[in-house]
Amino acid sequence: MGTLTIRLDEKLERELARLAKRTGRSKSEVAREALRRQLSIQRFRALRRGAMPYAAAAGYLTDEDVFRNVS
């Protein structure tokens, strides 16, 4: 397992500490979950960007176009 050291401003540190306390998790656990989510969002966005030309060519220009055909 690797280690990452980051600096947080006071407000973010307080919010992180409050959330960790409220959820019964460590600040590290909360930060890891947030990082995992952010990385997942970035992967999704990259996949979506790559798929968009193919979707547009097939007539899928909006989310509504997709939902209409899968619903």
Protein backbone atom coordinates (compact mmCIF):
# COMPACT_ATOMS: atom_id res chain seq x y z
CA MET A 1 0.00 0.00 0.00
CA GLY A 2 1.32 3.45 -0.89
CA THR A 3 1.21 6.65 1.09
CA LEU A 4 0.03 10.06 -0.05
CA THR A 5 0.51 13.21 1.97
CA ILE A 6 -1.66 16.21 1.12
CA ARG A 7 -2.17 19.63 2.62
CA LEU A 8 -5.71 20.73 3.38
CA ASP A 9 -6.92 24.19 4.18
CA GLU A 10 -8.50 24.56 7.61
CA LYS A 11 -12.09 24.47 6.36
CA LEU A 12 -11.58 21.28 4.36
CA GLU A 13 -9.74 19.67 7.29
CA ARG A 14 -12.66 20.48 9.63
CA GLU A 15 -15.22 19.13 7.16
CA LEU A 16 -13.20 15.95 6.67
CA ALA A 17 -12.83 15.46 10.42
CA ARG A 18 -16.57 16.02 10.99
CA LEU A 19 -17.54 13.57 8.27
CA ALA A 20 -15.11 10.95 9.55
CA LYS A 21 -16.45 11.31 13.08
CA ARG A 22 -20.09 11.27 11.96
CA THR A 23 -19.58 8.11 9.87
CA GLY A 24 -17.27 6.34 12.30
CA ARG A 25 -14.51 6.07 9.73
CA SER A 26 -10.99 7.42 9.69
CA LYS A 27 -10.12 10.54 7.72
CA SER A 28 -7.97 8.31 5.50
CA GLU A 29 -10.94 6.05 4.72
CA VAL A 30 -13.11 9.03 3.82
CA ALA A 31 -10.35 10.51 1.64
CA ARG A 32 -9.73 7.17 -0.12
CA GLU A 33 -13.44 6.82 -0.90
CA ALA A 34 -13.57 10.38 -2.25
CA LEU A 35 -10.50 9.73 -4.41
CA ARG A 36 -11.95 6.46 -5.72
CA ARG A 37 -15.17 8.24 -6.66
CA GLN A 38 -13.33 11.07 -8.39
CA LEU A 39 -11.17 8.64 -10.36
CA SER A 40 -14.30 6.69 -11.38
CA ILE A 41 -15.94 9.91 -12.57
CA GLN A 42 -12.86 10.80 -14.60
CA ARG A 43 -12.75 7.31 -16.18
CA PHE A 44 -16.45 7.56 -17.03
CA ARG A 45 -15.98 10.99 -18.62
CA ALA A 46 -13.03 9.72 -20.69
CA LEU A 47 -15.04 6.71 -21.89
CA ARG A 48 -17.99 8.95 -22.71
CA ARG A 49 -15.77 11.34 -24.70
CA GLY A 50 -14.43 8.39 -26.66
CA ALA A 51 -17.89 7.01 -27.35
CA MET A 52 -19.53 10.31 -28.29
CA PRO A 53 -18.47 10.34 -31.98
CA TYR A 54 -19.90 6.84 -32.44
CA ALA A 55 -23.08 7.69 -30.56
CA ALA A 56 -23.57 10.89 -32.57
CA ALA A 57 -23.09 8.97 -35.82
CA ALA A 58 -25.83 6.56 -34.67
CA GLY A 59 -28.17 9.46 -33.87
CA TYR A 60 -27.66 9.56 -30.10
CA LEU A 61 -27.06 13.22 -29.34
CA THR A 62 -28.57 13.57 -25.87
CA ASP A 63 -29.17 11.41 -22.81
CA GLU A 64 -32.86 11.53 -23.70
CA ASP A 65 -32.09 9.84 -27.04
CA VAL A 66 -30.47 6.96 -25.16
CA PHE A 67 -33.22 6.71 -22.54
CA ARG A 68 -35.91 6.71 -25.22
CA ASN A 69 -34.38 3.63 -26.84
CA VAL A 70 -33.59 1.69 -23.68
CA SER A 71 -36.83 2.36 -21.86
